[in-house]
Protein backbone atom coordinates (compact mmCIF):
# COMPACT_ATOMS: atom_id res chain seq x y z
CA MET A 1 29.97 -34.94 -45.54
CA SER A 2 31.90 -38.09 -44.61
CA PRO A 3 31.47 -41.28 -46.66
CA GLU A 4 28.36 -43.25 -45.81
CA ARG A 5 28.72 -46.50 -43.91
CA PRO A 6 27.04 -49.67 -45.19
CA GLN A 7 23.57 -49.98 -43.72
CA SER A 8 24.13 -53.67 -42.89
CA ALA A 9 26.89 -52.71 -40.46
CA VAL A 10 25.00 -49.99 -38.69
CA LEU A 11 22.44 -51.42 -36.28
CA SER A 12 22.71 -54.77 -34.57
CA GLN A 13 19.06 -54.75 -33.50
CA ARG A 14 17.33 -53.27 -36.56
CA VAL A 15 14.24 -55.40 -35.99
CA CYS A 16 13.64 -53.60 -32.69
CA MET A 17 14.11 -50.13 -34.14
CA SER A 18 11.29 -49.58 -36.63
CA ILE A 19 10.99 -45.97 -37.81
CA SER A 20 7.93 -44.03 -38.94
CA VAL A 21 8.45 -40.64 -40.56
CA VAL A 22 5.58 -38.23 -39.84
CA ILE A 23 5.11 -35.32 -42.24
CA PRO A 24 2.33 -32.81 -41.43
CA ALA A 25 1.36 -31.03 -44.64
CA TYR A 26 -0.89 -28.05 -45.23
CA ASN A 27 -0.91 -26.56 -48.76
CA ALA A 28 2.60 -27.97 -49.11
CA SER A 29 2.63 -28.87 -52.80
CA LYS A 30 5.54 -26.56 -53.64
CA TYR A 31 8.11 -28.35 -51.48
CA LEU A 32 6.55 -31.66 -50.43
CA ARG A 33 8.30 -33.83 -53.03
CA GLU A 34 11.72 -32.71 -51.82
CA ALA A 35 10.79 -33.57 -48.24
CA ILE A 36 9.44 -37.03 -49.11
CA ASP A 37 12.37 -37.77 -51.43
CA SER A 38 14.84 -36.89 -48.68
CA ALA A 39 13.13 -39.40 -46.38
CA LEU A 40 13.07 -42.11 -49.05
CA ASN A 41 16.75 -41.55 -49.88
CA GLN A 42 18.04 -42.24 -46.38
CA THR A 43 20.95 -44.66 -46.01
CA LEU A 44 18.83 -46.22 -43.26
CA ARG A 45 15.40 -46.34 -44.85
CA PRO A 46 12.37 -45.78 -42.64
CA ASP A 47 9.69 -48.45 -42.41
CA GLU A 48 6.97 -46.01 -43.43
CA ILE A 49 6.37 -42.36 -44.25
CA VAL A 50 3.06 -41.00 -42.98
CA VAL A 51 1.95 -37.79 -44.67
CA VAL A 52 -0.99 -36.10 -42.96
CA ASP A 53 -2.82 -33.72 -45.29
CA ASP A 54 -4.22 -31.18 -42.84
CA GLY A 55 -7.13 -29.90 -44.92
CA SER A 56 -5.08 -28.64 -47.88
CA THR A 57 -6.74 -26.88 -50.79
CA ASP A 58 -3.88 -27.46 -53.26
CA ASP A 59 -2.33 -30.67 -54.70
CA THR A 60 -0.74 -31.83 -51.44
CA PHE A 61 -2.83 -35.01 -51.16
CA ALA A 62 -2.35 -36.01 -54.81
CA ILE A 63 1.42 -35.50 -54.68
CA ALA A 64 1.83 -37.62 -51.56
CA GLU A 65 -0.55 -40.33 -52.80
CA SER A 66 1.38 -40.63 -56.10
CA TYR A 67 4.31 -42.27 -54.29
CA GLY A 68 2.65 -45.43 -53.02
CA PRO A 69 4.24 -47.61 -50.29
CA PRO A 70 6.09 -46.97 -48.06
CA VAL A 71 4.36 -43.56 -48.21
CA ARG A 72 0.91 -43.53 -46.60
CA VAL A 73 -1.37 -40.51 -46.85
CA LEU A 74 -4.00 -39.52 -44.30
CA HIS A 75 -6.45 -36.68 -44.89
CA ARG A 76 -8.59 -34.71 -42.47
CA THR A 77 -9.93 -31.21 -41.90
CA ASN A 78 -7.51 -28.57 -40.69
CA HIS A 79 -6.45 -28.98 -37.06
CA GLY A 80 -3.09 -27.19 -36.91
CA LEU A 81 0.50 -28.36 -36.65
CA ALA A 82 0.59 -29.85 -33.14
CA ALA A 83 -2.59 -31.87 -33.61
CA THR A 84 -1.45 -33.05 -37.04
CA ARG A 85 1.88 -34.31 -35.71
CA ASN A 86 0.05 -36.19 -32.97
CA PHE A 87 -2.45 -37.65 -35.42
CA GLY A 88 0.29 -38.88 -37.72
CA ALA A 89 2.24 -40.43 -34.87
CA ARG A 90 -0.85 -42.13 -33.41
CA ASN A 91 -1.61 -43.64 -36.81
CA SER A 92 1.93 -44.87 -37.37
CA SER A 93 3.36 -48.29 -36.59
CA GLY A 94 7.00 -47.54 -35.78
CA GLU A 95 8.66 -47.73 -32.39
CA TRP A 96 10.45 -44.49 -33.32
CA ILE A 97 8.89 -41.32 -34.74
CA ALA A 98 11.00 -39.14 -37.03
CA LEU A 99 9.44 -35.71 -37.46
CA LEU A 100 9.78 -33.91 -40.80
CA ASP A 101 8.01 -30.71 -41.82
CA ALA A 102 6.79 -30.66 -45.41
CA ASP A 103 9.18 -27.92 -46.53
CA ASP A 104 12.39 -29.25 -44.93
CA ILE A 105 15.05 -31.63 -46.28
CA TRP A 106 17.14 -34.31 -44.58
CA GLU A 107 20.74 -35.15 -45.40
CA PRO A 108 20.96 -38.81 -46.55
CA SER A 109 22.73 -40.10 -43.42
CA LYS A 110 20.44 -38.40 -40.88
CA LEU A 111 18.40 -41.37 -39.68
CA GLN A 112 21.37 -43.71 -39.73
CA ARG A 113 23.48 -41.46 -37.53
CA GLN A 114 20.64 -40.75 -35.13
CA MET A 115 19.65 -44.37 -34.69
CA GLU A 116 23.27 -45.29 -34.05
CA GLU A 117 23.41 -42.61 -31.35
CA LEU A 118 20.11 -43.70 -29.82
CA GLN A 119 21.30 -47.30 -29.70
CA ARG A 120 24.66 -46.30 -28.23
CA THR A 121 23.20 -44.08 -25.49
CA GLY A 122 19.84 -45.70 -24.77
CA ALA A 123 18.25 -42.26 -25.09
CA ASP A 124 14.58 -41.50 -25.78
CA ILE A 125 15.02 -38.55 -28.15
CA CYS A 126 17.77 -37.47 -30.53
CA TYR A 127 18.21 -34.11 -32.27
CA THR A 128 20.67 -32.71 -34.83
CA GLY A 129 22.04 -29.41 -36.01
CA HIS A 130 20.67 -27.69 -39.09
CA VAL A 131 21.59 -25.33 -41.89
CA ILE A 132 19.29 -22.59 -43.20
CA LEU A 133 18.05 -23.04 -46.77
CA GLN A 134 17.22 -19.41 -47.46
CA HIS A 135 14.73 -18.15 -50.03
CA GLU A 136 15.02 -14.50 -51.07
CA ASP A 137 13.11 -13.42 -54.13
CA GLU A 138 14.25 -15.84 -56.86
CA ARG A 139 17.42 -16.90 -55.05
CA VAL A 140 17.86 -20.02 -52.94
CA PHE A 141 21.08 -20.42 -50.98
CA PHE A 142 22.53 -21.94 -47.85
CA GLY A 143 22.72 -19.61 -44.89
CA LYS A 144 23.88 -19.96 -41.31
CA VAL A 145 24.74 -23.34 -39.82
CA HIS A 146 23.06 -23.71 -36.43
CA GLU A 147 24.94 -25.89 -33.99
CA VAL A 148 23.12 -27.62 -31.18
CA PRO A 149 24.26 -28.28 -27.62
CA ALA A 150 25.68 -31.58 -26.48
CA ALA A 151 23.14 -33.77 -24.70
CA GLU A 152 24.72 -33.08 -21.30
CA ASP A 153 24.05 -29.35 -21.81
CA ILE A 154 20.45 -29.68 -22.95
CA ARG A 155 18.81 -28.42 -19.76
CA GLY A 156 20.63 -25.09 -19.81
CA SER A 157 19.95 -24.62 -23.52
CA LEU A 158 16.24 -25.37 -23.25
CA PHE A 159 16.01 -22.93 -20.36
CA THR A 160 17.57 -20.07 -22.35
CA GLN A 161 16.68 -20.62 -26.03
CA VAL A 162 13.28 -20.73 -27.72
CA MET A 163 14.55 -22.96 -30.53
CA THR A 164 17.37 -25.10 -29.16
CA PHE A 165 16.74 -27.57 -31.97
CA LEU A 166 14.06 -27.95 -34.64
CA PRO A 167 11.26 -30.52 -34.80
CA SER A 168 12.42 -31.75 -38.24
CA SER A 169 15.72 -32.76 -36.65
CA VAL A 170 14.08 -34.99 -34.03
CA VAL A 171 13.70 -38.75 -33.72
CA LEU A 172 11.93 -39.84 -30.54
CA ARG A 173 10.51 -42.97 -29.03
CA ARG A 174 6.80 -43.20 -29.78
CA SER A 175 5.95 -44.35 -26.25
CA THR A 176 7.95 -41.45 -24.79
CA MET A 177 6.11 -38.95 -26.95
CA PHE A 178 2.71 -40.08 -25.78
CA SER A 179 3.71 -40.64 -22.16
CA VAL A 180 3.43 -36.83 -21.87
CA GLY A 181 0.38 -36.56 -24.12
CA GLY A 182 2.17 -35.60 -27.33
CA PHE A 183 2.31 -32.01 -28.58
CA ASP A 184 -0.04 -29.58 -26.85
CA GLU A 185 -2.87 -29.17 -29.36
CA SER A 186 -4.17 -25.99 -27.75
CA MET A 187 -1.05 -24.10 -28.87
CA ARG A 188 -2.02 -23.19 -32.42
CA ALA A 189 -0.08 -19.91 -32.21
CA GLY A 190 3.23 -21.76 -32.03
CA SER A 191 5.92 -22.73 -29.49
CA GLU A 192 4.36 -26.19 -29.08
CA ASP A 193 7.78 -27.70 -29.79
CA MET A 194 9.45 -25.70 -26.99
CA ARG A 195 6.73 -26.90 -24.61
CA MET A 196 7.17 -30.50 -25.75
CA TRP A 197 10.93 -30.62 -25.21
CA LEU A 198 10.67 -28.99 -21.77
CA THR A 199 7.87 -31.36 -20.77
CA LEU A 200 9.99 -34.34 -21.82
CA LEU A 201 12.98 -32.94 -19.91
CA HIS A 202 10.97 -32.60 -16.69
CA ALA A 203 9.49 -36.08 -17.20
CA GLY A 204 12.99 -37.56 -17.16
CA ALA A 205 13.43 -38.36 -20.85
CA LYS A 206 17.03 -38.94 -21.91
CA PHE A 207 18.31 -36.73 -24.73
CA ALA A 208 20.98 -37.52 -27.31
CA ALA A 209 22.59 -35.30 -29.95
CA VAL A 210 24.16 -35.62 -33.37
CA ARG A 211 25.60 -32.16 -33.62
CA LYS A 212 26.26 -32.13 -37.36
CA PRO A 213 23.82 -30.13 -39.55
CA LEU A 214 21.86 -33.05 -40.99
CA LEU A 215 18.74 -30.97 -41.64
CA GLN A 216 18.15 -28.26 -44.24
CA TYR A 217 15.61 -25.92 -42.68
CA ARG A 218 13.86 -24.02 -45.43
CA ARG A 219 13.20 -20.42 -44.53
CA HIS A 220 10.71 -18.63 -46.75
CA GLY A 221 8.03 -16.00 -46.26
CA ALA A 222 5.24 -18.46 -45.54
CA ASN A 223 6.82 -20.49 -42.77
CA TRP A 224 8.30 -18.19 -40.15
CA THR A 225 7.04 -14.78 -39.10
CA PRO A 226 7.04 -14.37 -35.30
CA THR A 227 3.80 -12.86 -34.04
CA PHE A 228 2.63 -11.41 -30.76
CA ALA A 229 0.40 -14.47 -30.30
CA TRP A 230 3.48 -16.70 -30.71
CA PHE A 231 5.42 -14.55 -28.24
CA ASP A 232 2.62 -14.69 -25.66
CA ALA A 233 2.45 -18.49 -25.99
CA THR A 234 6.22 -18.72 -25.60
CA VAL A 235 6.19 -16.53 -22.50
CA GLY A 236 3.44 -18.70 -21.03
CA THR A 237 5.53 -21.82 -21.61
CA TYR A 238 8.55 -20.15 -19.99
CA ARG A 239 6.55 -19.11 -16.94
CA GLN A 240 5.14 -22.59 -16.47
CA LEU A 241 8.06 -24.88 -17.36
CA VAL A 242 11.24 -22.85 -16.77
CA LEU A 243 10.64 -20.18 -14.15
CA PRO A 244 9.72 -22.53 -11.26
CA HIS A 245 12.99 -24.42 -11.81
CA LEU A 246 15.26 -21.36 -11.49
CA PRO A 247 16.83 -20.17 -8.22
CA THR A 248 14.38 -17.94 -6.37
CA SER A 249 16.97 -15.22 -5.86
CA THR A 250 17.58 -14.71 -9.59
CA ARG A 251 14.28 -15.92 -11.03
CA TRP A 252 12.67 -12.66 -12.11
CA PHE A 253 15.94 -11.05 -13.22
CA THR A 254 16.58 -14.04 -15.46
CA PHE A 255 13.00 -14.00 -16.79
CA ASN A 256 13.11 -10.30 -17.66
CA GLY A 257 16.41 -10.76 -19.48
CA TRP A 258 15.03 -13.73 -21.42
CA ARG A 259 11.85 -11.84 -22.27
CA SER A 260 13.75 -8.80 -23.56
CA GLN A 261 16.03 -10.97 -25.66
CA HIS A 262 13.17 -12.77 -27.44
CA GLU A 263 10.73 -9.87 -27.67
CA SER A 264 12.92 -8.37 -30.38
CA ASP A 265 12.11 -11.38 -32.62
CA VAL A 266 8.49 -10.33 -32.97
CA ALA A 267 7.56 -8.61 -36.22
């Protein structure tokens, strides 16, 4: 990583760029402290960190509550990931929403670099690359670094990849998020993030990228096992938000190729 720049020299309009971190958490006690600590240790500190305890039965609420300000904890019965992200964002005060899943970790300069890019470009949403933090038995190690496309290539990438970038890498304007209704709360099987980014694209939102891997995406048995329900939801999103925007002459050939490519991901 390159040396950090002084925060005082970063943003000329800091007062207009308040940031709320939203962490949805369900039975997240094992990794939650690392996620919160990574948000607190940013070179550009967020104004608040909103942890939404989504009906946990472990120590998630107690761990989050032990921090005190700027960490705020909200508790409610289980509603699923999309609804919990929306709930946290609606109950936040920042102009900008930084999404962070409870088992992921940010590099210290993540928010600083993203807010600089958002200010430079005037974009509505900024994403970053990520590196896999792999758990296998008792071992934890860094895996593949996933690069992300440049902002000018985002349309093509969203049309061809299920996970162009990850939610924990995203900072987006709060008003932009809710101008399209937030995450689709009916999609409890997954792929709500794919639907969100495509919906924002079609609504005219401007994307920006910091292509460095500023997110550690933790991969462990509990957080990612593709299912047939997930695949069906993903196909539905593709049919609705990608297929109509492809050339008629190649539409179904492209769809069948995309479907075959991603069907192999299902366990």
